[in-house]
C-alpha cells in the first residue's frame, strides 16, 4: 500500500477538477448524474449512489485482454 494524494477544486455547482500525482480529471454533474473525463481520455457516465456507471475510451483504442507470449 502506498501513499496517495488527491486534491479537488469545485468550480460552481456543477464542475469539479480533481488532481492526483498521476494526472487529473474533470467532472460535470451533481447528485443525480455525473460525467467524468480523465487524463487518459476515458469518459465515465454514472448515477452516484447506485453503483451504475458506463466507461468508454475516447482515443479509439480498444481495451485488450490478457497478452500472450509467443514462443
PDB file of N, CA and C in Angstrom:
ATOM      1  N   UNK A   1       0.826  -1.173   0.000  1.00  0.00           N
ATOM      2  CA  UNK A   1       0.000   0.000   0.000  1.00  0.00           C
ATOM      3  C   UNK A   1       0.873   1.239   0.000  1.00  0.00           C
ATOM      4  N   UNK A   2       0.590   2.158  -0.914  1.00  0.00           N
ATOM      5  CA  UNK A   2       1.377   3.372  -0.996  1.00  0.00           C
ATOM      6  C   UNK A   2       0.599   4.576  -0.522  1.00  0.00           C
ATOM      7  N   UNK A   3       1.278   5.666  -0.445  1.00  0.00           N
ATOM      8  CA  UNK A   3       0.664   6.926  -0.056  1.00  0.00           C
ATOM      9  C   UNK A   3       0.037   7.558  -1.289  1.00  0.00           C
ATOM     10  N   UNK A   4      -1.218   7.925  -1.199  1.00  0.00           N
ATOM     11  CA  UNK A   4      -1.926   8.549  -2.311  1.00  0.00           C
ATOM     12  C   UNK A   4      -2.237  10.004  -1.990  1.00  0.00           C
ATOM     13  N   UNK A   5      -2.354  10.812  -3.027  1.00  0.00           N
ATOM     14  CA  UNK A   5      -2.646  12.224  -2.888  1.00  0.00           C
ATOM     15  C   UNK A   5      -3.731  12.589  -3.885  1.00  0.00           C
ATOM     16  N   UNK A   6      -4.726  13.348  -3.434  1.00  0.00           N
ATOM     17  CA  UNK A   6      -5.778  13.830  -4.326  1.00  0.00           C
ATOM     18  C   UNK A   6      -6.238  15.185  -3.817  1.00  0.00           C
ATOM     19  N   UNK A   7      -6.373  16.126  -4.720  1.00  0.00           N
ATOM     20  CA  UNK A   7      -6.873  17.450  -4.389  1.00  0.00           C
ATOM     21  C   UNK A   7      -8.020  17.759  -5.323  1.00  0.00           C
ATOM     22  N   UNK A   8      -9.116  18.245  -4.792  1.00  0.00           N
ATOM     23  CA  UNK A   8     -10.304  18.522  -5.562  1.00  0.00           C
ATOM     24  C   UNK A   8     -10.656  20.006  -5.459  1.00  0.00           C
ATOM     25  N   UNK A   9     -10.945  20.612  -6.609  1.00  0.00           N
ATOM     26  CA  UNK A   9     -11.350  22.012  -6.666  1.00  0.00           C
ATOM     27  C   UNK A   9     -12.751  22.084  -7.240  1.00  0.00           C
ATOM     28  N   UNK A  10     -13.674  22.686  -6.529  1.00  0.00           N
ATOM     29  CA  UNK A  10     -15.039  22.834  -7.014  1.00  0.00           C
ATOM     30  C   UNK A  10     -15.171  24.170  -7.723  1.00  0.00           C
ATOM     31  N   UNK A  11     -15.739  24.134  -8.929  1.00  0.00           N
ATOM     32  CA  UNK A  11     -15.927  25.329  -9.734  1.00  0.00           C
ATOM     33  C   UNK A  11     -17.427  25.478  -9.970  1.00  0.00           C
ATOM     34  N   UNK A  12     -18.084  26.306  -9.203  1.00  0.00           N
ATOM     35  CA  UNK A  12     -19.529  26.468  -9.303  1.00  0.00           C
ATOM     36  C   UNK A  12     -20.255  25.275  -8.702  1.00  0.00           C
ATOM     37  N   UNK A  13     -21.491  25.080  -9.111  1.00  0.00           N
ATOM     38  CA  UNK A  13     -22.294  23.978  -8.571  1.00  0.00           C
ATOM     39  C   UNK A  13     -22.126  22.672  -9.321  1.00  0.00           C
ATOM     40  N   UNK A  14     -21.711  22.737 -10.584  1.00  0.00           N
ATOM     41  CA  UNK A  14     -21.698  21.534 -11.411  1.00  0.00           C
ATOM     42  C   UNK A  14     -20.308  21.016 -11.790  1.00  0.00           C
ATOM     43  N   UNK A  15     -19.274  21.820 -11.691  1.00  0.00           N
ATOM     44  CA  UNK A  15     -17.951  21.419 -12.166  1.00  0.00           C
ATOM     45  C   UNK A  15     -17.002  21.131 -11.010  1.00  0.00           C
ATOM     46  N   UNK A  16     -16.157  20.111 -11.210  1.00  0.00           N
ATOM     47  CA  UNK A  16     -15.152  19.764 -10.221  1.00  0.00           C
ATOM     48  C   UNK A  16     -13.896  19.308 -10.955  1.00  0.00           C
ATOM     49  N   UNK A  17     -12.741  19.803 -10.517  1.00  0.00           N
ATOM     50  CA  UNK A  17     -11.449  19.410 -11.065  1.00  0.00           C
ATOM     51  C   UNK A  17     -10.710  18.631  -9.988  1.00  0.00           C
ATOM     52  N   UNK A  18     -10.279  17.414 -10.311  1.00  0.00           N
ATOM     53  CA  UNK A  18      -9.555  16.566  -9.376  1.00  0.00           C
ATOM     54  C   UNK A  18      -8.120  16.405  -9.857  1.00  0.00           C
ATOM     55  N   UNK A  19      -7.168  16.606  -8.973  1.00  0.00           N
ATOM     56  CA  UNK A  19      -5.752  16.492  -9.309  1.00  0.00           C
ATOM     57  C   UNK A  19      -5.115  15.429  -8.437  1.00  0.00           C
ATOM     58  N   UNK A  20      -4.419  14.471  -9.084  1.00  0.00           N
ATOM     59  CA  UNK A  20      -3.676  13.440  -8.379  1.00  0.00           C
ATOM     60  C   UNK A  20      -2.231  13.489  -8.855  1.00  0.00           C
ATOM     61  N   UNK A  21      -1.380  12.697  -8.254  1.00  0.00           N
ATOM     62  CA  UNK A  21       0.021  12.716  -8.682  1.00  0.00           C
ATOM     63  C   UNK A  21       0.210  12.082 -10.058  1.00  0.00           C
ATOM     64  N   UNK A  22      -0.752  11.306 -10.539  1.00  0.00           N
ATOM     65  CA  UNK A  22      -0.657  10.683 -11.860  1.00  0.00           C
ATOM     66  C   UNK A  22      -1.417  11.438 -12.947  1.00  0.00           C
ATOM     67  N   UNK A  23      -2.148  12.479 -12.599  1.00  0.00           N
ATOM     68  CA  UNK A  23      -2.894  13.217 -13.600  1.00  0.00           C
ATOM     69  C   UNK A  23      -4.055  13.954 -12.989  1.00  0.00           C
ATOM     70  N   UNK A  24      -5.121  14.089 -13.758  1.00  0.00           N
ATOM     71  CA  UNK A  24      -6.281  14.803 -13.271  1.00  0.00           C
ATOM     72  C   UNK A  24      -7.539  14.396 -14.006  1.00  0.00           C
ATOM     73  N   UNK A  25      -8.648  14.940 -13.559  1.00  0.00           N
ATOM     74  CA  UNK A  25      -9.921  14.675 -14.216  1.00  0.00           C
ATOM     75  C   UNK A  25     -10.849  15.855 -13.996  1.00  0.00           C
ATOM     76  N   UNK A  26     -11.847  15.950 -14.861  1.00  0.00           N
ATOM     77  CA  UNK A  26     -12.865  16.979 -14.760  1.00  0.00           C
ATOM     78  C   UNK A  26     -14.209  16.268 -14.672  1.00  0.00           C
ATOM     79  N   UNK A  27     -15.030  16.657 -13.687  1.00  0.00           N
ATOM     80  CA  UNK A  27     -16.354  16.079 -13.509  1.00  0.00           C
ATOM     81  C   UNK A  27     -17.407  17.155 -13.689  1.00  0.00           C
ATOM     82  N   UNK A  28     -18.507  16.763 -14.345  1.00  0.00           N
ATOM     83  CA  UNK A  28     -19.639  17.656 -14.547  1.00  0.00           C
ATOM     84  C   UNK A  28     -20.873  16.923 -14.058  1.00  0.00           C
ATOM     85  N   UNK A  29     -21.678  17.563 -13.238  1.00  0.00           N
ATOM     86  CA  UNK A  29     -22.908  16.958 -12.768  1.00  0.00           C
ATOM     87  C   UNK A  29     -23.069  17.130 -11.280  1.00  0.00           C
ATOM     88  N   UNK A  30     -24.047  16.441 -10.751  1.00  0.00           N
ATOM     89  CA  UNK A  30     -24.355  16.575  -9.334  1.00  0.00           C
ATOM     90  C   UNK A  30     -24.735  15.261  -8.706  1.00  0.00           C
ATOM     91  N   UNK A  31     -25.788  15.288  -7.910  1.00  0.00           N
ATOM     92  CA  UNK A  31     -26.195  14.115  -7.140  1.00  0.00           C
ATOM     93  C   UNK A  31     -26.955  13.081  -7.972  1.00  0.00           C
ATOM     94  N   UNK A  32     -27.513  13.486  -9.118  1.00  0.00           N
ATOM     95  CA  UNK A  32     -28.323  12.559  -9.906  1.00  0.00           C
ATOM     96  C   UNK A  32     -27.604  11.974 -11.103  1.00  0.00           C
ATOM     97  N   UNK A  33     -26.677  12.725 -11.700  1.00  0.00           N
ATOM     98  CA  UNK A  33     -25.971  12.251 -12.885  1.00  0.00           C
ATOM     99  C   UNK A  33     -24.615  12.930 -12.950  1.00  0.00           C
ATOM    100  N   UNK A  34     -23.577  12.187 -13.383  1.00  0.00           N
ATOM    101  CA  UNK A  34     -22.232  12.751 -13.439  1.00  0.00           C
ATOM    102  C   UNK A  34     -21.480  12.210 -14.642  1.00  0.00           C
ATOM    103  N   UNK A  35     -20.752  13.105 -15.328  1.00  0.00           N
ATOM    104  CA  UNK A  35     -19.841  12.746 -16.413  1.00  0.00           C
ATOM    105  C   UNK A  35     -18.433  13.108 -15.967  1.00  0.00           C
ATOM    106  N   UNK A  36     -17.484  12.189 -16.165  1.00  0.00           N
ATOM    107  CA  UNK A  36     -16.101  12.429 -15.769  1.00  0.00           C
ATOM    108  C   UNK A  36     -15.184  12.114 -16.935  1.00  0.00           C
ATOM    109  N   UNK A  37     -14.244  13.017 -17.213  1.00  0.00           N
ATOM    110  CA  UNK A  37     -13.228  12.823 -18.238  1.00  0.00           C
ATOM    111  C   UNK A  37     -11.881  12.895 -17.553  1.00  0.00           C
ATOM    112  N   UNK A  38     -11.067  11.823 -17.681  1.00  0.00           N
ATOM    113  CA  UNK A  38      -9.758  11.830 -17.027  1.00  0.00           C
ATOM    114  C   UNK A  38      -8.640  12.040 -18.032  1.00  0.00           C
ATOM    115  N   UNK A  39      -7.400  12.112 -17.553  1.00  0.00           N
ATOM    116  CA  UNK A  39      -6.254  12.417 -18.399  1.00  0.00           C
ATOM    117  C   UNK A  39      -5.898  11.297 -19.369  1.00  0.00           C
ATOM    118  N   UNK A  40      -6.460  10.128 -19.218  1.00  0.00           N
ATOM    119  CA  UNK A  40      -6.193   9.011 -20.132  1.00  0.00           C
ATOM    120  C   UNK A  40      -7.278   8.888 -21.202  1.00  0.00           C
ATOM    121  N   UNK A  41      -8.028   9.960 -21.411  1.00  0.00           N
ATOM    122  CA  UNK A  41      -9.112  10.029 -22.397  1.00  0.00           C
ATOM    123  C   UNK A  41     -10.173   8.968 -22.159  1.00  0.00           C
ATOM    124  N   UNK A  42     -10.530   8.783 -20.905  1.00  0.00           N
ATOM    125  CA  UNK A  42     -11.579   7.848 -20.517  1.00  0.00           C
ATOM    126  C   UNK A  42     -12.767   8.652 -20.012  1.00  0.00           C
ATOM    127  N   UNK A  43     -13.946   8.409 -20.571  1.00  0.00           N
ATOM    128  CA  UNK A  43     -15.164   9.097 -20.182  1.00  0.00           C
ATOM    129  C   UNK A  43     -16.036   8.137 -19.384  1.00  0.00           C
ATOM    130  N   UNK A  44     -16.516   8.594 -18.243  1.00  0.00           N
ATOM    131  CA  UNK A  44     -17.377   7.790 -17.386  1.00  0.00           C
ATOM    132  C   UNK A  44     -18.669   8.540 -17.136  1.00  0.00           C
ATOM    133  N   UNK A  45     -19.795   7.876 -17.381  1.00  0.00           N
ATOM    134  CA  UNK A  45     -21.115   8.401 -17.047  1.00  0.00           C
ATOM    135  C   UNK A  45     -21.631   7.559 -15.890  1.00  0.00           C
ATOM    136  N   UNK A  46     -22.128   8.212 -14.835  1.00  0.00           N
ATOM    137  CA  UNK A  46     -22.554   7.445 -13.662  1.00  0.00           C
ATOM    138  C   UNK A  46     -23.781   8.057 -13.013  1.00  0.00           C
ATOM    139  N   UNK A  47     -24.449   7.206 -12.254  1.00  0.00           N
ATOM    140  CA  UNK A  47     -25.555   7.611 -11.393  1.00  0.00           C
ATOM    141  C   UNK A  47     -25.059   7.448  -9.960  1.00  0.00           C
ATOM    142  N   UNK A  48     -24.588   8.530  -9.327  1.00  0.00           N
ATOM    143  CA  UNK A  48     -23.996   8.434  -7.996  1.00  0.00           C
ATOM    144  C   UNK A  48     -24.942   7.808  -6.969  1.00  0.00           C
ATOM    145  N   UNK A  49     -24.363   6.965  -6.130  1.00  0.00           N
ATOM    146  CA  UNK A  49     -25.129   6.326  -5.072  1.00  0.00           C
ATOM    147  C   UNK A  49     -25.794   5.025  -5.479  1.00  0.00           C
ATOM    148  N   UNK A  50     -25.809   4.718  -6.793  1.00  0.00           N
ATOM    149  CA  UNK A  50     -26.459   3.496  -7.259  1.00  0.00           C
ATOM    150  C   UNK A  50     -25.462   2.407  -7.631  1.00  0.00           C
ATOM    151  N   UNK A  51     -24.226   2.797  -7.925  1.00  0.00           N
ATOM    152  CA  UNK A  51     -23.223   1.836  -8.383  1.00  0.00           C
ATOM    153  C   UNK A  51     -23.299   1.571  -9.875  1.00  0.00           C
ATOM    154  N   UNK A  52     -24.148   2.315 -10.584  1.00  0.00           N
ATOM    155  CA  UNK A  52     -24.310   2.137 -12.023  1.00  0.00           C
ATOM    156  C   UNK A  52     -23.432   3.145 -12.753  1.00  0.00           C
ATOM    157  N   UNK A  53     -22.586   2.651 -13.673  1.00  0.00           N
ATOM    158  CA  UNK A  53     -21.743   3.543 -14.456  1.00  0.00           C
ATOM    159  C   UNK A  53     -21.412   2.900 -15.795  1.00  0.00           C
ATOM    160  N   UNK A  54     -20.981   3.730 -16.735  1.00  0.00           N
ATOM    161  CA  UNK A  54     -20.576   3.271 -18.056  1.00  0.00           C
ATOM    162  C   UNK A  54     -19.269   3.960 -18.408  1.00  0.00           C
ATOM    163  N   UNK A  55     -18.255   3.193 -18.815  1.00  0.00           N
ATOM    164  CA  UNK A  55     -16.938   3.713 -19.181  1.00  0.00           C
ATOM    165  C   UNK A  55     -16.691   3.514 -20.666  1.00  0.00           C
ATOM    166  N   UNK A  56     -16.020   4.477 -21.276  1.00  0.00           N
ATOM    167  CA  UNK A  56     -15.618   4.337 -22.665  1.00  0.00           C
ATOM    168  C   UNK A  56     -14.302   5.086 -22.892  1.00  0.00           C
ATOM    169  N   UNK A  57     -13.492   4.596 -23.828  1.00  0.00           N
ATOM    170  CA  UNK A  57     -12.240   5.256 -24.190  1.00  0.00           C
ATOM    171  C   UNK A  57     -12.493   6.161 -25.376  1.00  0.00           C
ATOM    172  N   UNK A  58     -12.024   7.401 -25.302  1.00  0.00           N
ATOM    173  CA  UNK A  58     -12.233   8.362 -26.376  1.00  0.00           C
ATOM    174  C   UNK A  58     -11.093   8.395 -27.374  1.00  0.00           C
ATOM    175  N   UNK A  59      -9.996   7.687 -27.106  1.00  0.00           N
ATOM    176  CA  UNK A  59      -8.836   7.712 -28.007  1.00  0.00           C
ATOM    177  C   UNK A  59      -8.946   6.704 -29.145  1.00  0.00           C
ATOM    178  N   UNK A  60     -10.005   5.918 -29.192  1.00  0.00           N
ATOM    179  CA  UNK A  60     -10.206   4.965 -30.274  1.00  0.00           C
ATOM    180  C   UNK A  60      -9.539   3.624 -30.077  1.00  0.00           C
ATOM    181  N   UNK A  61      -8.747   3.480 -29.028  1.00  0.00           N
ATOM    182  CA  UNK A  61      -8.080   2.211 -28.768  1.00  0.00           C
ATOM    183  C   UNK A  61      -9.016   1.294 -27.992  1.00  0.00           C
ATOM    184  N   UNK A  62      -9.036   0.032 -28.394  1.00  0.00           N
ATOM    185  CA  UNK A  62      -9.842  -0.940 -27.677  1.00  0.00           C
ATOM    186  C   UNK A  62      -9.029  -1.553 -26.560  1.00  0.00           C
ATOM    187  N   UNK A  63      -9.686  -1.792 -25.460  1.00  0.00           N
ATOM    188  CA  UNK A  63      -9.026  -2.418 -24.328  1.00  0.00           C
ATOM    189  C   UNK A  63      -8.898  -3.912 -24.626  1.00  0.00           C
ATOM    190  N   UNK A  64      -7.683  -4.418 -24.533  1.00  0.00           N
ATOM    191  CA  UNK A  64      -7.467  -5.828 -24.833  1.00  0.00           C
ATOM    192  C   UNK A  64      -7.338  -6.615 -23.549  1.00  0.00           C
ATOM    193  N   UNK A  65      -7.554  -7.868 -23.664  1.00  0.00           N
ATOM    194  CA  UNK A  65      -7.452  -8.751 -22.508  1.00  0.00           C
ATOM    195  C   UNK A  65      -6.008  -9.121 -22.231  1.00  0.00           C
ATOM    196  N   UNK A  66      -5.820 -10.326 -21.823  1.00  0.00           N
ATOM    197  CA  UNK A  66      -4.513 -10.837 -21.427  1.00  0.00           C
ATOM    198  C   UNK A  66      -3.571 -10.909 -22.635  1.00  0.00           C
ATOM    199  N   UNK A  67      -2.344 -10.453 -22.455  1.00  0.00           N
ATOM    200  CA  UNK A  67      -1.353 -10.549 -23.517  1.00  0.00           C
ATOM    201  C   UNK A  67      -0.729 -11.940 -23.478  1.00  0.00           C
ATOM    202  N   UNK A  68      -0.511 -12.505 -24.650  1.00  0.00           N
ATOM    203  CA  UNK A  68       0.100 -13.832 -24.719  1.00  0.00           C
ATOM    204  C   UNK A  68       1.522 -13.705 -25.248  1.00  0.00           C
ATOM    205  N   UNK A  69       2.380 -14.531 -24.748  1.00  0.00           N
ATOM    206  CA  UNK A  69       3.774 -14.525 -25.172  1.00  0.00           C
ATOM    207  C   UNK A  69       3.951 -15.590 -26.264  1.00  0.00           C
ATOM    208  N   UNK A  70       4.548 -15.161 -27.388  1.00  0.00           N
ATOM    209  CA  UNK A  70       4.790 -16.107 -28.477  1.00  0.00           C
ATOM    210  C   UNK A  70       6.120 -16.798 -28.261  1.00  0.00           C
ATOM    211  N   UNK A  71       6.171 -18.101 -28.525  1.00  0.00           N
ATOM    212  CA  UNK A  71       7.414 -18.876 -28.370  1.00  0.00           C
ATOM    213  C   UNK A  71       8.244 -18.855 -29.616  1.00  0.00           C
TER     214      UNK A  71
END
